[in-house]
C-alpha atoms as a PDB file:
ATOM      1  CA  UNK A   1     -24.339  16.910  84.842  1.00  0.00           C
ATOM      2  CA  UNK A   2     -27.881  18.214  83.242  1.00  0.00           C
ATOM      3  CA  UNK A   3     -26.112  19.075  80.438  1.00  0.00           C
ATOM      4  CA  UNK A   4     -25.121  15.790  79.872  1.00  0.00           C
ATOM      5  CA  UNK A   5     -28.601  14.951  79.645  1.00  0.00           C
ATOM      6  CA  UNK A   6     -29.671  17.282  78.069  1.00  0.00           C
ATOM      7  CA  UNK A   7     -26.906  16.232  75.046  1.00  0.00           C
ATOM      8  CA  UNK A   8     -27.800  12.790  75.148  1.00  0.00           C
ATOM      9  CA  UNK A   9     -31.768  13.800  74.072  1.00  0.00           C
ATOM     10  CA  UNK A  10     -30.633  16.065  71.312  1.00  0.00           C
ATOM     11  CA  UNK A  11     -28.489  13.385  69.802  1.00  0.00           C
ATOM     12  CA  UNK A  12     -31.156  10.472  69.908  1.00  0.00           C
ATOM     13  CA  UNK A  13     -34.199  12.304  68.681  1.00  0.00           C
ATOM     14  CA  UNK A  14     -31.013  13.476  65.250  1.00  0.00           C
ATOM     15  CA  UNK A  15     -30.549  10.038  65.230  1.00  0.00           C
ATOM     16  CA  UNK A  16     -33.612   8.717  63.285  1.00  0.00           C
ATOM     17  CA  UNK A  17     -31.648   8.042  59.951  1.00  0.00           C
ATOM     18  CA  UNK A  18     -33.810   7.084  56.680  1.00  0.00           C
ATOM     19  CA  UNK A  19     -36.599   4.790  56.154  1.00  0.00           C
ATOM     20  CA  UNK A  20     -36.497   1.425  53.927  1.00  0.00           C
ATOM     21  CA  UNK A  21     -38.586   3.415  51.759  1.00  0.00           C
ATOM     22  CA  UNK A  22     -36.003   6.577  51.068  1.00  0.00           C
ATOM     23  CA  UNK A  23     -33.092   3.783  50.314  1.00  0.00           C
ATOM     24  CA  UNK A  24     -34.959   2.049  48.161  1.00  0.00           C
ATOM     25  CA  UNK A  25     -35.952   5.162  45.675  1.00  0.00           C
ATOM     26  CA  UNK A  26     -32.061   6.122  46.029  1.00  0.00           C
ATOM     27  CA  UNK A  27     -30.920   3.218  45.025  1.00  0.00           C
ATOM     28  CA  UNK A  28     -33.678   2.940  42.167  1.00  0.00           C
ATOM     29  CA  UNK A  29     -32.931   6.491  41.479  1.00  0.00           C
ATOM     30  CA  UNK A  30     -29.261   5.646  41.416  1.00  0.00           C
ATOM     31  CA  UNK A  31     -29.431   2.379  39.297  1.00  0.00           C
ATOM     32  CA  UNK A  32     -31.906   4.350  36.395  1.00  0.00           C
ATOM     33  CA  UNK A  33     -28.779   6.462  36.168  1.00  0.00           C
ATOM     34  CA  UNK A  34     -26.153   4.116  35.628  1.00  0.00           C
ATOM     35  CA  UNK A  35     -28.003   2.206  33.111  1.00  0.00           C
ATOM     36  CA  UNK A  36     -28.740   5.565  31.529  1.00  0.00           C
ATOM     37  CA  UNK A  37     -25.010   6.087  31.157  1.00  0.00           C
ATOM     38  CA  UNK A  38     -24.582   2.384  29.707  1.00  0.00           C
ATOM     39  CA  UNK A  39     -26.831   2.497  27.054  1.00  0.00           C
ATOM     40  CA  UNK A  40     -24.708   6.236  25.551  1.00  0.00           C
ATOM     41  CA  UNK A  41     -21.721   4.173  25.973  1.00  0.00           C
ATOM     42  CA  UNK A  42     -23.153   1.695  23.959  1.00  0.00           C
ATOM     43  CA  UNK A  43     -24.499   3.770  21.165  1.00  0.00           C
ATOM     44  CA  UNK A  44     -20.406   6.029  21.656  1.00  0.00           C
ATOM     45  CA  UNK A  45     -18.719   1.948  20.803  1.00  0.00           C
ATOM     46  CA  UNK A  46     -21.223   1.207  18.139  1.00  0.00           C
ATOM     47  CA  UNK A  47     -20.609   5.043  16.333  1.00  0.00           C
ATOM     48  CA  UNK A  48     -16.919   4.556  16.947  1.00  0.00           C
ATOM     49  CA  UNK A  49     -16.985   1.436  14.567  1.00  0.00           C
ATOM     50  CA  UNK A  50     -19.265   2.320  12.380  1.00  0.00           C
ATOM     51  CA  UNK A  51     -16.764   5.549  11.647  1.00  0.00           C
ATOM     52  CA  UNK A  52     -14.109   3.466  11.470  1.00  0.00           C
ATOM     53  CA  UNK A  53     -14.836   1.154   8.847  1.00  0.00           C
ATOM     54  CA  UNK A  54     -16.117   3.830   7.091  1.00  0.00           C
ATOM     55  CA  UNK A  55     -12.641   5.474   7.263  1.00  0.00           C
ATOM     56  CA  UNK A  56     -11.063   2.318   6.217  1.00  0.00           C
ATOM     57  CA  UNK A  57     -14.013   2.461   3.574  1.00  0.00           C
ATOM     58  CA  UNK A  58     -13.036   5.653   2.427  1.00  0.00           C
ATOM     59  CA  UNK A  59      -9.207   5.559   2.048  1.00  0.00           C
ATOM     60  CA  UNK A  60     -10.132   2.272   0.077  1.00  0.00           C
ATOM     61  CA  UNK A  61     -12.153   3.407  -2.718  1.00  0.00           C
ATOM     62  CA  UNK A  62      -9.566   7.017  -2.061  1.00  0.00           C
ATOM     63  CA  UNK A  63      -6.399   4.930  -3.158  1.00  0.00           C
ATOM     64  CA  UNK A  64      -8.636   3.189  -6.461  1.00  0.00           C
ATOM     65  CA  UNK A  65      -9.427   6.245  -7.591  1.00  0.00           C
ATOM     66  CA  UNK A  66      -6.465   7.947  -7.305  1.00  0.00           C
ATOM     67  CA  UNK A  67      -4.299   4.580  -8.957  1.00  0.00           C
ATOM     68  CA  UNK A  68      -7.031   4.929 -11.839  1.00  0.00           C
ATOM     69  CA  UNK A  69      -6.998   8.498 -12.519  1.00  0.00           C
ATOM     70  CA  UNK A  70      -2.922   8.270 -12.302  1.00  0.00           C
ATOM     71  CA  UNK A  71      -3.139   5.544 -15.875  1.00  0.00           C
ATOM     72  CA  UNK A  72      -3.045   7.143 -19.170  1.00  0.00           C
ATOM     73  CA  UNK A  73      -5.898   7.875 -20.760  1.00  0.00           C
ATOM     74  CA  UNK A  74      -5.904   5.097 -23.265  1.00  0.00           C
ATOM     75  CA  UNK A  75      -4.369   2.980 -20.682  1.00  0.00           C
ATOM     76  CA  UNK A  76      -6.278  -1.104 -20.528  1.00  0.00           C
ATOM     77  CA  UNK A  77      -7.027  -0.568 -17.308  1.00  0.00           C
ATOM     78  CA  UNK A  78      -9.763   2.120 -18.150  1.00  0.00           C
ATOM     79  CA  UNK A  79     -11.280   0.542 -20.906  1.00  0.00           C
ATOM     80  CA  UNK A  80     -15.422  -0.706 -20.275  1.00  0.00           C
ATOM     81  CA  UNK A  81     -14.710  -4.510 -20.874  1.00  0.00           C
ATOM     82  CA  UNK A  82     -16.775  -5.652 -18.601  1.00  0.00           C
ATOM     83  CA  UNK A  83     -19.111  -7.172 -20.525  1.00  0.00           C
ATOM     84  CA  UNK A  84     -22.528  -9.124 -19.845  1.00  0.00           C
ATOM     85  CA  UNK A  85     -24.196 -12.561 -19.935  1.00  0.00           C
ATOM     86  CA  UNK A  86     -23.498 -13.336 -23.658  1.00  0.00           C
ATOM     87  CA  UNK A  87     -20.605 -13.304 -25.607  1.00  0.00           C
ATOM     88  CA  UNK A  88     -20.050  -9.918 -26.324  1.00  0.00           C
ATOM     89  CA  UNK A  89     -18.033  -7.035 -25.336  1.00  0.00           C
ATOM     90  CA  UNK A  90     -21.151  -5.244 -24.573  1.00  0.00           C
ATOM     91  CA  UNK A  91     -20.050  -2.323 -21.688  1.00  0.00           C
ATOM     92  CA  UNK A  92     -20.962  -2.246 -18.150  1.00  0.00           C
ATOM     93  CA  UNK A  93     -23.549  -5.352 -18.841  1.00  0.00           C
ATOM     94  CA  UNK A  94     -26.183  -2.631 -20.502  1.00  0.00           C
ATOM     95  CA  UNK A  95     -26.804  -4.209 -23.413  1.00  0.00           C
ATOM     96  CA  UNK A  96     -26.544  -0.595 -24.683  1.00  0.00           C
ATOM     97  CA  UNK A  97     -22.875  -1.716 -27.030  1.00  0.00           C
ATOM     98  CA  UNK A  98     -23.988  -3.628 -30.234  1.00  0.00           C
ATOM     99  CA  UNK A  99     -19.993  -2.802 -31.769  1.00  0.00           C
ATOM    100  CA  UNK A 100     -18.443  -3.679 -28.861  1.00  0.00           C
ATOM    101  CA  UNK A 101     -16.015  -0.472 -28.553  1.00  0.00           C
ATOM    102  CA  UNK A 102     -17.487   1.471 -24.865  1.00  0.00           C
ATOM    103  CA  UNK A 103     -19.444   3.937 -26.071  1.00  0.00           C
ATOM    104  CA  UNK A 104     -23.378   4.005 -24.808  1.00  0.00           C
ATOM    105  CA  UNK A 105     -24.746   3.015 -28.129  1.00  0.00           C
ATOM    106  CA  UNK A 106     -28.370   3.695 -26.769  1.00  0.00           C
ATOM    107  CA  UNK A 107     -27.808   7.138 -25.923  1.00  0.00           C
ATOM    108  CA  UNK A 108     -31.865   8.038 -25.261  1.00  0.00           C
ATOM    109  CA  UNK A 109     -30.816   8.230 -21.211  1.00  0.00           C
ATOM    110  CA  UNK A 110     -34.001   6.930 -19.398  1.00  0.00           C
ATOM    111  CA  UNK A 111     -36.318   7.642 -21.729  1.00  0.00           C
ATOM    112  CA  UNK A 112     -36.450   4.264 -22.836  1.00  0.00           C
ATOM    113  CA  UNK A 113     -34.749   1.862 -20.646  1.00  0.00           C
ATOM    114  CA  UNK A 114     -33.917   3.639 -17.253  1.00  0.00           C
ATOM    115  CA  UNK A 115     -30.357   3.644 -17.874  1.00  0.00           C
ATOM    116  CA  UNK A 116     -28.804   7.178 -18.025  1.00  0.00           C
ATOM    117  CA  UNK A 117     -25.496   6.156 -16.243  1.00  0.00           C
ATOM    118  CA  UNK A 118     -24.753   2.534 -19.071  1.00  0.00           C
ATOM    119  CA  UNK A 119     -23.806   0.575 -16.094  1.00  0.00           C
ATOM    120  CA  UNK A 120     -21.959   3.197 -13.498  1.00  0.00           C
ATOM    121  CA  UNK A 121     -23.441   1.012 -10.835  1.00  0.00           C
ATOM    122  CA  UNK A 122     -23.114  -2.538 -12.176  1.00  0.00           C
ATOM    123  CA  UNK A 123     -20.789  -3.828  -8.390  1.00  0.00           C
ATOM    124  CA  UNK A 124     -22.824  -7.581  -9.024  1.00  0.00           C
ATOM    125  CA  UNK A 125     -22.548  -8.587 -12.050  1.00  0.00           C
ATOM    126  CA  UNK A 126     -19.328  -8.003 -14.464  1.00  0.00           C
ATOM    127  CA  UNK A 127     -18.211  -4.588 -13.316  1.00  0.00           C
ATOM    128  CA  UNK A 128     -14.994  -2.810 -15.505  1.00  0.00           C
ATOM    129  CA  UNK A 129     -12.257  -4.249 -12.291  1.00  0.00           C
ATOM    130  CA  UNK A 130     -12.929  -5.377  -8.606  1.00  0.00           C
ATOM    131  CA  UNK A 131     -10.360  -6.447  -5.140  1.00  0.00           C
ATOM    132  CA  UNK A 132     -10.879  -7.315  -2.129  1.00  0.00           C
ATOM    133  CA  UNK A 133      -9.159  -5.898   1.327  1.00  0.00           C
ATOM    134  CA  UNK A 134      -9.021  -5.357   4.537  1.00  0.00           C
ATOM    135  CA  UNK A 135      -7.419  -2.998   7.187  1.00  0.00           C
ATOM    136  CA  UNK A 136      -7.170  -2.997  10.899  1.00  0.00           C
ATOM    137  CA  UNK A 137     -10.669  -2.952  11.346  1.00  0.00           C
ATOM    138  CA  UNK A 138     -11.181  -6.546   9.894  1.00  0.00           C
ATOM    139  CA  UNK A 139     -13.494  -5.810   8.130  1.00  0.00           C
ATOM    140  CA  UNK A 140     -13.625  -7.229   5.152  1.00  0.00           C
ATOM    141  CA  UNK A 141     -13.906  -4.877   1.405  1.00  0.00           C
ATOM    142  CA  UNK A 142     -15.851  -5.305  -1.750  1.00  0.00           C
ATOM    143  CA  UNK A 143     -13.954  -2.812  -4.024  1.00  0.00           C
ATOM    144  CA  UNK A 144     -15.692  -1.646  -7.886  1.00  0.00           C
ATOM    145  CA  UNK A 145     -14.860   0.198 -10.312  1.00  0.00           C
ATOM    146  CA  UNK A 146     -16.214   0.925 -13.619  1.00  0.00           C
ATOM    147  CA  UNK A 147     -15.321   3.112 -16.206  1.00  0.00           C
ATOM    148  CA  UNK A 148     -17.847   4.937 -19.287  1.00  0.00           C
ATOM    149  CA  UNK A 149     -16.434   5.727 -22.165  1.00  0.00           C
ATOM    150  CA  UNK A 150     -17.555   9.193 -23.535  1.00  0.00           C
ATOM    151  CA  UNK A 151     -19.120  10.186 -20.976  1.00  0.00           C
ATOM    152  CA  UNK A 152     -20.572  13.164 -19.630  1.00  0.00           C
ATOM    153  CA  UNK A 153     -19.019  14.114 -23.310  1.00  0.00           C
ATOM    154  CA  UNK A 154     -16.701  13.057 -25.432  1.00  0.00           C
ATOM    155  CA  UNK A 155     -13.188  12.041 -24.954  1.00  0.00           C
ATOM    156  CA  UNK A 156     -14.183  11.619 -21.388  1.00  0.00           C
ATOM    157  CA  UNK A 157     -14.155   8.842 -19.072  1.00  0.00           C
ATOM    158  CA  UNK A 158     -16.758   8.505 -15.994  1.00  0.00           C
ATOM    159  CA  UNK A 159     -14.880   6.607 -13.669  1.00  0.00           C
ATOM    160  CA  UNK A 160     -16.831   5.255 -10.533  1.00  0.00           C
ATOM    161  CA  UNK A 161     -15.104   3.698  -7.635  1.00  0.00           C
ATOM    162  CA  UNK A 162     -17.505   1.752  -5.531  1.00  0.00           C
ATOM    163  CA  UNK A 163     -16.193  -0.012  -2.103  1.00  0.00           C
ATOM    164  CA  UNK A 164     -19.099  -2.348  -0.021  1.00  0.00           C
ATOM    165  CA  UNK A 165     -18.659  -3.708   3.533  1.00  0.00           C
ATOM    166  CA  UNK A 166     -20.968  -5.788   6.013  1.00  0.00           C
ATOM    167  CA  UNK A 167     -21.266  -3.394   9.182  1.00  0.00           C
ATOM    168  CA  UNK A 168     -24.309  -4.603  12.033  1.00  0.00           C
ATOM    169  CA  UNK A 169     -25.917  -7.322   9.482  1.00  0.00           C
ATOM    170  CA  UNK A 170     -25.799  -4.335   6.851  1.00  0.00           C
ATOM    171  CA  UNK A 171     -24.290  -3.621   3.703  1.00  0.00           C
ATOM    172  CA  UNK A 172     -22.423  -0.384   3.766  1.00  0.00           C
ATOM    173  CA  UNK A 173     -20.940   2.162   0.615  1.00  0.00           C
ATOM    174  CA  UNK A 174     -18.605   4.630  -0.315  1.00  0.00           C
ATOM    175  CA  UNK A 175     -18.698   5.571  -3.702  1.00  0.00           C
ATOM    176  CA  UNK A 176     -16.436   8.000  -5.621  1.00  0.00           C
ATOM    177  CA  UNK A 177     -16.902   9.626  -8.985  1.00  0.00           C
ATOM    178  CA  UNK A 178     -14.409  11.334 -11.028  1.00  0.00           C
ATOM    179  CA  UNK A 179     -14.066  12.192 -14.666  1.00  0.00           C
ATOM    180  CA  UNK A 180     -10.971  11.399 -16.556  1.00  0.00           C
ATOM    181  CA  UNK A 181     -10.162  13.723 -19.676  1.00  0.00           C
ATOM    182  CA  UNK A 182      -8.609  12.791 -22.420  1.00  0.00           C
ATOM    183  CA  UNK A 183      -6.150  15.987 -23.032  1.00  0.00           C
END
């Protein structure tokens, strides 16, 4: 019987448990860990959303570029015909095509007017072409393309395709360039 009393004393000494402070510290550490995991998950979702939009925009740009490159060199869709705000057809809205032939008449480069690409970056006033598309992500994509004739060399056309979309309050862009030669 004495053994029973001795075991009872050992058991009572080992049943102290955790204090309230120790439990609160453990809960705090656990909460901080869970918040860190939640923040990582949120960042991963945002990154995946951006990547999906970028992938889809790139596919739209590639499809339009392949369509344009497949056209004959002298096809009407490959003319630099976007014009500017006057009644003339001054390719790419730069006022550098006085004879309306789609060729940059002002080829001094950036030294005089700061324009060296003959309006290839025009996505707002007068692009050579535009269309819209939406894909599986339900994002609205604006597709623009511009053609510069005899750029960067005679008998060549510089084709630039832009795809723009809005995501998380910011305008995103994908740009593809290709040179098509008259062969």
